[in-house]
C-alpha atoms as a PDB file:
ATOM      1  CA  MET A   1     110.548  73.223  95.687  1.00  0.00           C
ATOM      2  CA  LYS A   2     111.339  73.599  99.048  1.00  0.00           C
ATOM      3  CA  HIS A   3     108.788  72.396 101.709  1.00  0.00           C
ATOM      4  CA  LEU A   4     108.132  75.253 104.365  1.00  0.00           C
ATOM      5  CA  LEU A   5     106.597  74.591 107.134  1.00  0.00           C
ATOM      6  CA  LEU A   6     105.308  78.309 108.342  1.00  0.00           C
ATOM      7  CA  THR A   7     104.022  79.317 111.907  1.00  0.00           C
ATOM      8  CA  GLY A   8     101.966  82.728 112.480  1.00  0.00           C
ATOM      9  CA  SER A   9     100.607  83.029 108.390  1.00  0.00           C
ATOM     10  CA  SER A  10      97.561  84.981 110.497  1.00  0.00           C
ATOM     11  CA  GLY A  11     100.092  87.402 111.779  1.00  0.00           C
ATOM     12  CA  PHE A  12     101.366  91.155 109.737  1.00  0.00           C
ATOM     13  CA  VAL A  13     104.532  89.225 108.005  1.00  0.00           C
ATOM     14  CA  GLY A  14     102.578  86.076 107.552  1.00  0.00           C
ATOM     15  CA  LYS A  15      99.924  87.430 105.910  1.00  0.00           C
ATOM     16  CA  ARG A  16     102.361  88.725 103.105  1.00  0.00           C
ATOM     17  CA  PHE A  17     104.308  85.754 103.037  1.00  0.00           C
ATOM     18  CA  VAL A  18     102.262  83.463 102.090  1.00  0.00           C
ATOM     19  CA  PRO A  19     100.712  85.160  98.300  1.00  0.00           C
ATOM     20  CA  PHE A  20     104.537  86.626  97.937  1.00  0.00           C
ATOM     21  CA  ASN A  21     105.806  83.274  98.050  1.00  0.00           C
ATOM     22  CA  LYS A  22     103.264  80.929  96.487  1.00  0.00           C
ATOM     23  CA  ASN A  23     105.257  80.061  93.870  1.00  0.00           C
ATOM     24  CA  ARG A  24     107.972  79.910  95.239  1.00  0.00           C
ATOM     25  CA  TYR A  25     107.757  77.815  97.968  1.00  0.00           C
ATOM     26  CA  GLN A  26     105.510  74.598  98.759  1.00  0.00           C
ATOM     27  CA  ILE A  27     104.079  75.929 102.281  1.00  0.00           C
ATOM     28  CA  THR A  28     102.221  74.427 104.951  1.00  0.00           C
ATOM     29  CA  THR A  29     100.802  76.956 107.923  1.00  0.00           C
ATOM     30  CA  ILE A  30     100.196  75.853 111.217  1.00  0.00           C
ATOM     31  CA  SER A  31      99.233  77.968 114.054  1.00  0.00           C
ATOM     32  CA  LEU A  32      99.984  77.196 117.719  1.00  0.00           C
ATOM     33  CA  ARG A  33      97.297  79.061 118.971  1.00  0.00           C
ATOM     34  CA  LYS A  34      95.038  76.631 117.427  1.00  0.00           C
ATOM     35  CA  ASN A  35      97.211  73.216 116.923  1.00  0.00           C
ATOM     36  CA  LYS A  36      99.542  71.118 119.798  1.00  0.00           C
ATOM     37  CA  VAL A  37     103.545  70.771 118.134  1.00  0.00           C
ATOM     38  CA  ALA A  38     103.419  67.507 119.563  1.00  0.00           C
ATOM     39  CA  ASP A  39     100.893  66.797 116.402  1.00  0.00           C
ATOM     40  CA  ILE A  40     102.300  68.825 113.485  1.00  0.00           C
ATOM     41  CA  ASP A  41     102.944  66.535 110.557  1.00  0.00           C
ATOM     42  CA  TRP A  42     106.938  66.866 109.409  1.00  0.00           C
ATOM     43  CA  GLN A  43     106.859  64.603 106.586  1.00  0.00           C
ATOM     44  CA  GLY A  44     108.717  66.116 103.837  1.00  0.00           C
ATOM     45  CA  VAL A  45     109.367  69.563 105.644  1.00  0.00           C
ATOM     46  CA  ASP A  46     112.501  70.863 104.973  1.00  0.00           C
ATOM     47  CA  THR A  47     112.716  74.328 106.828  1.00  0.00           C
ATOM     48  CA  VAL A  48     111.186  75.932 109.757  1.00  0.00           C
ATOM     49  CA  VAL A  49     110.137  79.863 109.295  1.00  0.00           C
ATOM     50  CA  HIS A  50     108.843  80.821 112.803  1.00  0.00           C
ATOM     51  CA  LEU A  51     106.903  84.352 112.511  1.00  0.00           C
ATOM     52  CA  ALA A  52     104.598  83.272 115.133  1.00  0.00           C
ATOM     53  CA  GLY A  53     105.167  85.063 118.649  1.00  0.00           C
ATOM     54  CA  MET A  54     103.764  87.436 120.673  1.00  0.00           C
ATOM     55  CA  ALA A  55     104.403  91.003 120.235  1.00  0.00           C
ATOM     56  CA  HIS A  56     104.998  94.078 122.522  1.00  0.00           C
ATOM     57  CA  GLN A  57     101.818  95.086 123.426  1.00  0.00           C
ATOM     58  CA  MET A  58     100.505  98.620 124.335  1.00  0.00           C
ATOM     59  CA  GLN A  59      98.371  96.837 127.310  1.00  0.00           C
ATOM     60  CA  LYS A  60      99.988  95.723 130.164  1.00  0.00           C
ATOM     61  CA  ILE A  61      99.770  92.007 129.680  1.00  0.00           C
ATOM     62  CA  ASP A  62     101.280  89.302 132.321  1.00  0.00           C
ATOM     63  CA  ASP A  63     104.776  89.292 131.543  1.00  0.00           C
ATOM     64  CA  GLN A  64     104.825  85.442 131.866  1.00  0.00           C
ATOM     65  CA  ILE A  65     102.998  85.106 129.159  1.00  0.00           C
ATOM     66  CA  TYR A  66     105.750  86.841 126.822  1.00  0.00           C
ATOM     67  CA  PHE A  67     107.694  83.939 127.827  1.00  0.00           C
ATOM     68  CA  GLN A  68     105.291  81.172 127.227  1.00  0.00           C
ATOM     69  CA  VAL A  69     105.034  82.456 123.726  1.00  0.00           C
ATOM     70  CA  ASN A  70     108.233  83.934 122.850  1.00  0.00           C
ATOM     71  CA  HIS A  71     110.834  81.240 124.528  1.00  0.00           C
ATOM     72  CA  ASP A  72     108.995  77.752 125.358  1.00  0.00           C
ATOM     73  CA  LEU A  73     106.642  77.278 122.704  1.00  0.00           C
ATOM     74  CA  THR A  74     109.897  78.009 120.532  1.00  0.00           C
ATOM     75  CA  LYS A  75     112.013  75.733 122.155  1.00  0.00           C
ATOM     76  CA  GLU A  76     108.999  72.970 121.558  1.00  0.00           C
ATOM     77  CA  LEU A  77     108.989  73.853 118.232  1.00  0.00           C
ATOM     78  CA  ALA A  78     112.875  73.860 117.314  1.00  0.00           C
ATOM     79  CA  THR A  79     113.192  70.411 119.487  1.00  0.00           C
ATOM     80  CA  ALA A  80     110.827  68.504 117.843  1.00  0.00           C
ATOM     81  CA  ALA A  81     112.210  70.048 114.379  1.00  0.00           C
ATOM     82  CA  LYS A  82     115.598  68.892 115.354  1.00  0.00           C
ATOM     83  CA  ASN A  83     114.285  65.492 116.231  1.00  0.00           C
ATOM     84  CA  ALA A  84     112.339  65.125 112.839  1.00  0.00           C
ATOM     85  CA  GLY A  85     115.213  65.927 110.841  1.00  0.00           C
ATOM     86  CA  VAL A  86     114.447  69.272 109.489  1.00  0.00           C
ATOM     87  CA  ARG A  87     117.846  70.434 108.401  1.00  0.00           C
ATOM     88  CA  HIS A  88     117.059  74.287 108.540  1.00  0.00           C
ATOM     89  CA  PHE A  89     114.674  76.610 111.492  1.00  0.00           C
ATOM     90  CA  THR A  90     114.802  80.662 110.539  1.00  0.00           C
ATOM     91  CA  PHE A  91     113.591  82.538 113.605  1.00  0.00           C
ATOM     92  CA  ILE A  92     111.906  86.277 113.280  1.00  0.00           C
ATOM     93  CA  SER A  93     113.435  87.398 116.836  1.00  0.00           C
ATOM     94  CA  THR A  94     113.723  91.443 117.066  1.00  0.00           C
ATOM     95  CA  ILE A  95     115.789  94.345 117.511  1.00  0.00           C
ATOM     96  CA  LYS A  96     114.329  95.317 121.909  1.00  0.00           C
ATOM     97  CA  VAL A  97     116.701  91.659 122.338  1.00  0.00           C
ATOM     98  CA  PHE A  98     119.790  95.344 122.526  1.00  0.00           C
ATOM     99  CA  GLY A  99     117.477  96.772 125.010  1.00  0.00           C
ATOM    100  CA  GLU A 100     115.873 100.526 124.540  1.00  0.00           C
ATOM    101  CA  HIS A 101     118.861 103.181 124.525  1.00  0.00           C
ATOM    102  CA  HIS A 102     121.831 103.563 122.345  1.00  0.00           C
ATOM    103  CA  ASN A 103     124.310 106.347 120.908  1.00  0.00           C
ATOM    104  CA  SER A 104     125.418 104.660 118.372  1.00  0.00           C
ATOM    105  CA  LYS A 105     125.051 102.473 115.679  1.00  0.00           C
ATOM    106  CA  LEU A 106     124.053  98.396 116.576  1.00  0.00           C
ATOM    107  CA  ASP A 107     125.509  95.768 114.778  1.00  0.00           C
ATOM    108  CA  GLU A 108     125.788  91.737 115.636  1.00  0.00           C
ATOM    109  CA  ASN A 109     128.001  92.796 118.308  1.00  0.00           C
ATOM    110  CA  THR A 110     126.168  94.589 119.997  1.00  0.00           C
ATOM    111  CA  ILE A 111     125.814  93.653 123.543  1.00  0.00           C
ATOM    112  CA  CYS A 112     122.105  92.726 124.346  1.00  0.00           C
ATOM    113  CA  GLU A 113     120.636  94.047 127.616  1.00  0.00           C
ATOM    114  CA  PRO A 114     116.602  94.287 127.198  1.00  0.00           C
ATOM    115  CA  GLN A 115     116.154  94.966 130.538  1.00  0.00           C
ATOM    116  CA  ASN A 116     113.010  95.683 132.635  1.00  0.00           C
ATOM    117  CA  ASP A 117     111.234  94.034 128.729  1.00  0.00           C
ATOM    118  CA  PRO A 118     109.782  90.907 129.222  1.00  0.00           C
ATOM    119  CA  TYR A 119     109.054  90.872 125.186  1.00  0.00           C
ATOM    120  CA  GLY A 120     112.663  91.260 124.755  1.00  0.00           C
ATOM    121  CA  GLU A 121     113.632  89.448 127.267  1.00  0.00           C
ATOM    122  CA  SER A 122     111.870  86.369 126.036  1.00  0.00           C
ATOM    123  CA  LYS A 123     112.940  86.936 122.655  1.00  0.00           C
ATOM    124  CA  LEU A 124     116.797  86.673 123.652  1.00  0.00           C
ATOM    125  CA  LEU A 125     116.179  83.549 125.975  1.00  0.00           C
ATOM    126  CA  ALA A 126     114.616  81.895 123.299  1.00  0.00           C
ATOM    127  CA  GLU A 127     117.462  82.767 120.460  1.00  0.00           C
ATOM    128  CA  ASN A 128     119.990  81.591 123.014  1.00  0.00           C
ATOM    129  CA  PHE A 129     118.212  78.319 123.428  1.00  0.00           C
ATOM    130  CA  LEU A 130     118.192  77.671 119.431  1.00  0.00           C
ATOM    131  CA  ARG A 131     122.176  78.578 119.170  1.00  0.00           C
ATOM    132  CA  SER A 132     122.517  76.032 121.894  1.00  0.00           C
ATOM    133  CA  ILE A 133     120.756  72.984 119.770  1.00  0.00           C
ATOM    134  CA  GLN A 134     121.724  74.172 116.224  1.00  0.00           C
ATOM    135  CA  SER A 135     124.460  71.622 114.385  1.00  0.00           C
ATOM    136  CA  PRO A 136     125.857  70.849 110.908  1.00  0.00           C
ATOM    137  CA  ASP A 137     122.620  68.817 110.930  1.00  0.00           C
ATOM    138  CA  PHE A 138     120.619  71.247 112.059  1.00  0.00           C
ATOM    139  CA  LYS A 139     120.784  75.075 111.048  1.00  0.00           C
ATOM    140  CA  VAL A 140     119.238  78.072 113.131  1.00  0.00           C
ATOM    141  CA  ALA A 141     118.987  81.510 111.435  1.00  0.00           C
ATOM    142  CA  ILE A 142     118.399  84.538 113.686  1.00  0.00           C
ATOM    143  CA  VAL A 143     116.651  87.593 112.082  1.00  0.00           C
ATOM    144  CA  ARG A 144     116.416  90.656 114.384  1.00  0.00           C
ATOM    145  CA  PRO A 145     113.926  93.321 111.906  1.00  0.00           C
ATOM    146  CA  PRO A 146     113.708  96.895 113.663  1.00  0.00           C
ATOM    147  CA  LEU A 147     110.277  98.554 113.043  1.00  0.00           C
ATOM    148  CA  VAL A 148     108.612  96.418 110.198  1.00  0.00           C
ATOM    149  CA  TYR A 149     106.088  98.420 108.266  1.00  0.00           C
ATOM    150  CA  GLY A 150     103.926  97.756 104.667  1.00  0.00           C
ATOM    151  CA  PRO A 151     100.129  97.155 104.190  1.00  0.00           C
ATOM    152  CA  GLY A 152      98.647  95.667 107.172  1.00  0.00           C
ATOM    153  CA  VAL A 153     100.368  98.085 109.638  1.00  0.00           C
ATOM    154  CA  LYS A 154      99.121  98.873 112.885  1.00  0.00           C
ATOM    155  CA  GLY A 155     100.380 100.235 115.681  1.00  0.00           C
ATOM    156  CA  ASN A 156     102.171 104.280 115.654  1.00  0.00           C
ATOM    157  CA  LEU A 157     102.465 103.736 111.879  1.00  0.00           C
ATOM    158  CA  ILE A 158      98.746 103.975 111.668  1.00  0.00           C
ATOM    159  CA  ARG A 159      98.654 106.902 114.112  1.00  0.00           C
ATOM    160  CA  PHE A 160     101.134 108.771 111.657  1.00  0.00           C
ATOM    161  CA  LEU A 161      99.171 107.592 108.032  1.00  0.00           C
ATOM    162  CA  ASP A 162      96.382 109.434 110.217  1.00  0.00           C
ATOM    163  CA  LEU A 163      98.392 111.849 111.051  1.00  0.00           C
ATOM    164  CA  ALA A 164      99.408 112.758 107.642  1.00  0.00           C
ATOM    165  CA  ARG A 165      95.894 113.279 105.594  1.00  0.00           C
ATOM    166  CA  LYS A 166      94.955 115.508 108.079  1.00  0.00           C
ATOM    167  CA  PRO A 167      94.308 119.533 105.895  1.00  0.00           C
ATOM    168  CA  PHE A 168      97.028 121.303 108.724  1.00  0.00           C
ATOM    169  CA  PRO A 169     100.044 121.978 109.315  1.00  0.00           C
ATOM    170  CA  LEU A 170     102.420 119.143 111.137  1.00  0.00           C
ATOM    171  CA  PRO A 171     105.010 120.176 113.796  1.00  0.00           C
ATOM    172  CA  PHE A 172     107.574 117.470 112.040  1.00  0.00           C
ATOM    173  CA  ALA A 173     109.962 119.759 109.878  1.00  0.00           C
ATOM    174  CA  ALA A 174     113.983 119.646 110.851  1.00  0.00           C
ATOM    175  CA  ILE A 175     113.698 116.536 112.774  1.00  0.00           C
ATOM    176  CA  ASN A 176     117.772 115.219 111.895  1.00  0.00           C
ATOM    177  CA  ASN A 177     117.450 111.680 113.948  1.00  0.00           C
ATOM    178  CA  ARG A 178     118.204 108.535 111.791  1.00  0.00           C
ATOM    179  CA  ARG A 179     116.085 105.317 112.118  1.00  0.00           C
ATOM    180  CA  THR A 180     116.375 102.272 111.021  1.00  0.00           C
ATOM    181  CA  MET A 181     113.158 100.368 109.651  1.00  0.00           C
ATOM    182  CA  VAL A 182     112.366  97.959 107.143  1.00  0.00           C
ATOM    183  CA  PHE A 183     109.851  97.343 104.694  1.00  0.00           C
ATOM    184  CA  LEU A 184     107.868  94.587 104.852  1.00  0.00           C
ATOM    185  CA  ASP A 185     108.773  92.690 101.418  1.00  0.00           C
ATOM    186  CA  ASN A 186     112.268  93.553 102.078  1.00  0.00           C
ATOM    187  CA  LEU A 187     112.498  91.860 105.233  1.00  0.00           C
ATOM    188  CA  ILE A 188     110.641  88.188 103.220  1.00  0.00           C
ATOM    189  CA  ALA A 189     112.845  88.824 100.737  1.00  0.00           C
ATOM    190  CA  LEU A 190     115.551  88.564 102.796  1.00  0.00           C
ATOM    191  CA  ILE A 191     114.327  85.601 104.983  1.00  0.00           C
ATOM    192  CA  ASN A 192     114.006  83.821 101.650  1.00  0.00           C
ATOM    193  CA  GLN A 193     117.588  84.343 100.982  1.00  0.00           C
ATOM    194  CA  ILE A 194     118.299  83.050 104.173  1.00  0.00           C
ATOM    195  CA  THR A 195     115.627  80.275 103.541  1.00  0.00           C
ATOM    196  CA  ASP A 196     117.030  79.412  99.963  1.00  0.00           C
ATOM    197  CA  THR A 197     121.334  79.228 100.858  1.00  0.00           C
ATOM    198  CA  GLU A 198     120.061  77.630 104.514  1.00  0.00           C
ATOM    199  CA  ALA A 199     122.737  80.477 106.118  1.00  0.00           C
ATOM    200  CA  SER A 200     122.802  80.542 109.299  1.00  0.00           C
ATOM    201  CA  GLY A 201     123.829  83.079 112.053  1.00  0.00           C
ATOM    202  CA  LEU A 202     122.471  86.074 113.279  1.00  0.00           C
ATOM    203  CA  PHE A 203     120.829  88.281 110.648  1.00  0.00           C
ATOM    204  CA  LEU A 204     119.878  92.213 111.180  1.00  0.00           C
ATOM    205  CA  ALA A 205     117.291  93.423 108.360  1.00  0.00           C
ATOM    206  CA  GLY A 206     116.631  96.880 107.225  1.00  0.00           C
ATOM    207  CA  ASP A 207     116.211  98.435 104.873  1.00  0.00           C
ATOM    208  CA  ARG A 208     118.378 100.173 102.786  1.00  0.00           C
ATOM    209  CA  GLN A 209     119.535 103.358 104.536  1.00  0.00           C
ATOM    210  CA  PRO A 210     117.370 105.015 107.905  1.00  0.00           C
ATOM    211  CA  ILE A 211     114.877 107.554 107.767  1.00  0.00           C
ATOM    212  CA  SER A 212     114.380 110.687 110.121  1.00  0.00           C
ATOM    213  CA  THR A 213     110.768 111.317 110.586  1.00  0.00           C
ATOM    214  CA  THR A 214     110.717 114.115 108.867  1.00  0.00           C
ATOM    215  CA  LYS A 215     111.153 112.336 105.746  1.00  0.00           C
ATOM    216  CA  LEU A 216     108.799 109.601 106.971  1.00  0.00           C
ATOM    217  CA  ILE A 217     105.780 112.452 107.011  1.00  0.00           C
ATOM    218  CA  GLN A 218     107.282 114.146 104.033  1.00  0.00           C
ATOM    219  CA  ASP A 219     106.756 110.648 101.746  1.00  0.00           C
ATOM    220  CA  MET A 220     103.331 109.505 103.532  1.00  0.00           C
ATOM    221  CA  ARG A 221     101.961 112.676 103.075  1.00  0.00           C
ATOM    222  CA  ILE A 222     103.793 112.704  99.672  1.00  0.00           C
ATOM    223  CA  GLY A 223     102.172 109.786  98.574  1.00  0.00           C
ATOM    224  CA  MET A 224      99.053 110.749  99.705  1.00  0.00           C
ATOM    225  CA  GLY A 225      99.078 113.702  97.105  1.00  0.00           C
ATOM    226  CA  LYS A 226      99.596 116.557  99.399  1.00  0.00           C
ATOM    227  CA  SER A 227     102.311 118.916 100.308  1.00  0.00           C
ATOM    228  CA  PRO A 228     104.349 118.477 103.380  1.00  0.00           C
ATOM    229  CA  ARG A 229     103.156 121.129 104.940  1.00  0.00           C
ATOM    230  CA  LEU A 230     105.421 120.798 108.236  1.00  0.00           C
ATOM    231  CA  PHE A 231     107.093 123.468 110.603  1.00  0.00           C
ATOM    232  CA  THR A 232     109.299 123.031 113.538  1.00  0.00           C
ATOM    233  CA  LEU A 233     108.542 122.364 116.978  1.00  0.00           C
ATOM    234  CA  PRO A 234     110.009 125.030 119.528  1.00  0.00           C
ATOM    235  CA  LYS A 235     112.622 124.027 121.561  1.00  0.00           C
ATOM    236  CA  LEU A 236     110.544 124.265 124.617  1.00  0.00           C
ATOM    237  CA  LEU A 237     108.424 121.931 123.413  1.00  0.00           C
ATOM    238  CA  ILE A 238     110.309 119.349 122.584  1.00  0.00           C
ATOM    239  CA  LYS A 239     111.679 119.331 125.923  1.00  0.00           C
ATOM    240  CA  ALA A 240     108.917 119.655 127.918  1.00  0.00           C
ATOM    241  CA  LEU A 241     108.086 116.530 125.708  1.00  0.00           C
ATOM    242  CA  SER A 242     110.883 115.135 126.833  1.00  0.00           C
ATOM    243  CA  ALA A 243     110.125 115.473 130.435  1.00  0.00           C
ATOM    244  CA  PHE A 244     106.719 114.445 130.697  1.00  0.00           C
ATOM    245  CA  ARG A 245     106.449 111.891 127.445  1.00  0.00           C
ATOM    246  CA  PRO A 246     110.157 110.465 126.751  1.00  0.00           C
ATOM    247  CA  GLU A 247     109.361 107.099 125.276  1.00  0.00           C
ATOM    248  CA  LEU A 248     107.395 109.208 123.016  1.00  0.00           C
ATOM    249  CA  ALA A 249     110.115 111.577 122.814  1.00  0.00           C
ATOM    250  CA  ILE A 250     112.556 109.652 121.877  1.00  0.00           C
ATOM    251  CA  ARG A 251     110.539 107.856 118.756  1.00  0.00           C
ATOM    252  CA  LEU A 252     109.562 111.098 117.412  1.00  0.00           C
ATOM    253  CA  PHE A 253     113.340 112.803 117.660  1.00  0.00           C
ATOM    254  CA  GLY A 254     115.622 110.089 118.471  1.00  0.00           C
ATOM    255  CA  SER A 255     117.949 107.974 116.474  1.00  0.00           C
ATOM    256  CA  LEU A 256     117.661 103.653 116.329  1.00  0.00           C
ATOM    257  CA  GLU A 257     120.413 102.863 113.585  1.00  0.00           C
ATOM    258  CA  MET A 258     121.050  99.346 112.198  1.00  0.00           C
ATOM    259  CA  ASP A 259     124.417  98.700 110.169  1.00  0.00           C
ATOM    260  CA  THR A 260     123.397  95.960 107.752  1.00  0.00           C
ATOM    261  CA  THR A 261     126.599  95.434 106.165  1.00  0.00           C
ATOM    262  CA  VAL A 262     127.705  92.067 107.335  1.00  0.00           C
ATOM    263  CA  THR A 263     124.173  90.304 107.041  1.00  0.00           C
ATOM    264  CA  ASN A 264     123.909  91.977 103.876  1.00  0.00           C
ATOM    265  CA  LYS A 265     127.983  90.464 102.522  1.00  0.00           C
ATOM    266  CA  LYS A 266     127.367  87.494 104.292  1.00  0.00           C
ATOM    267  CA  LEU A 267     124.022  86.522 102.415  1.00  0.00           C
ATOM    268  CA  ASN A 268     124.479  88.225  99.223  1.00  0.00           C
ATOM    269  CA  PHE A 269     121.543  90.720  99.506  1.00  0.00           C
ATOM    270  CA  VAL A 270     120.331  93.887  98.387  1.00  0.00           C
ATOM    271  CA  PRO A 271     116.635  94.822  99.928  1.00  0.00           C
ATOM    272  CA  PRO A 272     114.851  95.203  96.535  1.00  0.00           C
ATOM    273  CA  PHE A 273     112.553  98.104  97.407  1.00  0.00           C
ATOM    274  CA  THR A 274     113.773 101.532  97.800  1.00  0.00           C
ATOM    275  CA  ILE A 275     112.583 102.738 101.561  1.00  0.00           C
ATOM    276  CA  GLN A 276     110.326 105.285  99.122  1.00  0.00           C
ATOM    277  CA  GLN A 277     108.891 101.925  97.361  1.00  0.00           C
ATOM    278  CA  GLY A 278     107.988 100.340 100.864  1.00  0.00           C
ATOM    279  CA  ILE A 279     106.253 103.869 101.969  1.00  0.00           C
ATOM    280  CA  GLN A 280     104.485 104.394  98.859  1.00  0.00           C
ATOM    281  CA  SER A 281     102.897 100.655  99.031  1.00  0.00           C
ATOM    282  CA  MET A 282     101.109 101.783 102.694  1.00  0.00           C
ATOM    283  CA  VAL A 283      99.926 105.044 102.034  1.00  0.00           C
ATOM    284  CA  ASP A 284      98.244 103.393  99.158  1.00  0.00           C
ATOM    285  CA  TRP A 285      97.011 100.166 101.699  1.00  0.00           C
ATOM    286  CA  TYR A 286      96.002 102.754 103.860  1.00  0.00           C
ATOM    287  CA  LYS A 287      94.365 104.758 101.221  1.00  0.00           C
ATOM    288  CA  HIS A 288      92.189 101.166  99.709  1.00  0.00           C
ATOM    289  CA  GLU A 289      91.591  99.843 103.659  1.00  0.00           C
ATOM    290  CA  LYS A 290      91.170 102.631 105.695  1.00  0.00           C
ATOM    291  CA  LEU A 291      89.837 105.707 103.738  1.00  0.00           C
ATOM    292  CA  LYS A 292      86.918 104.009 102.007  1.00  0.00           C
END
């Protein structure tokens, strides 16, 4: 049984990772908010799974906070792990390192251009440092997930779930975009495969296929035992939304697709859960926790 040092155990992925793997690994959790890297006991640690980080914030925060948490702290942690003789380090990065606007599928060779985005920039800076210190005795795996969904989700998907439970029709029919997302348990299964094989390199996380906004809201409503009841938004309103709320329009109508073929082949990995299973798991959690 491998001994893992896990950061970020109180976060969205970490809260699921620990019970998911309670019989698979010996897991030591560490809060980097409450503890100093210098005080970590590295005795017996085989691998680090570094989930902790400053996620993208909707409200404005000082850009330096992203760099202090996502780069500086990662640098300190990885350097200490390497010096302590830890063999393997897995860093959870983000799709945001690619930048915002792409007209083709993202893959391992896509140029990263996260301009004017301190979240993406700080994660990419951390990736580059980790590559600079990897060696045969200190293998580094970098995972870039897209939007992660599942039990405990926050942000825009909670707003979607709130909409899905409403009794009235919704204007999301006939949206034929393609967006790669990853179910929480599929992401954890990918991390486990990387951990078990001590794989190194760059890996892209994603479900077996992309999903459209229409299909997402349909599956949410069906999971809640409702009829989809969707209608098509007039083109003039879509144009107006694109003009006045471009970021929202991109999320609703734009595509953002990753090609995970190389990752899955390299790891001999198939995401174990379908999108429908993932959405149903998220909906069941929402009904239990939010609709009490």
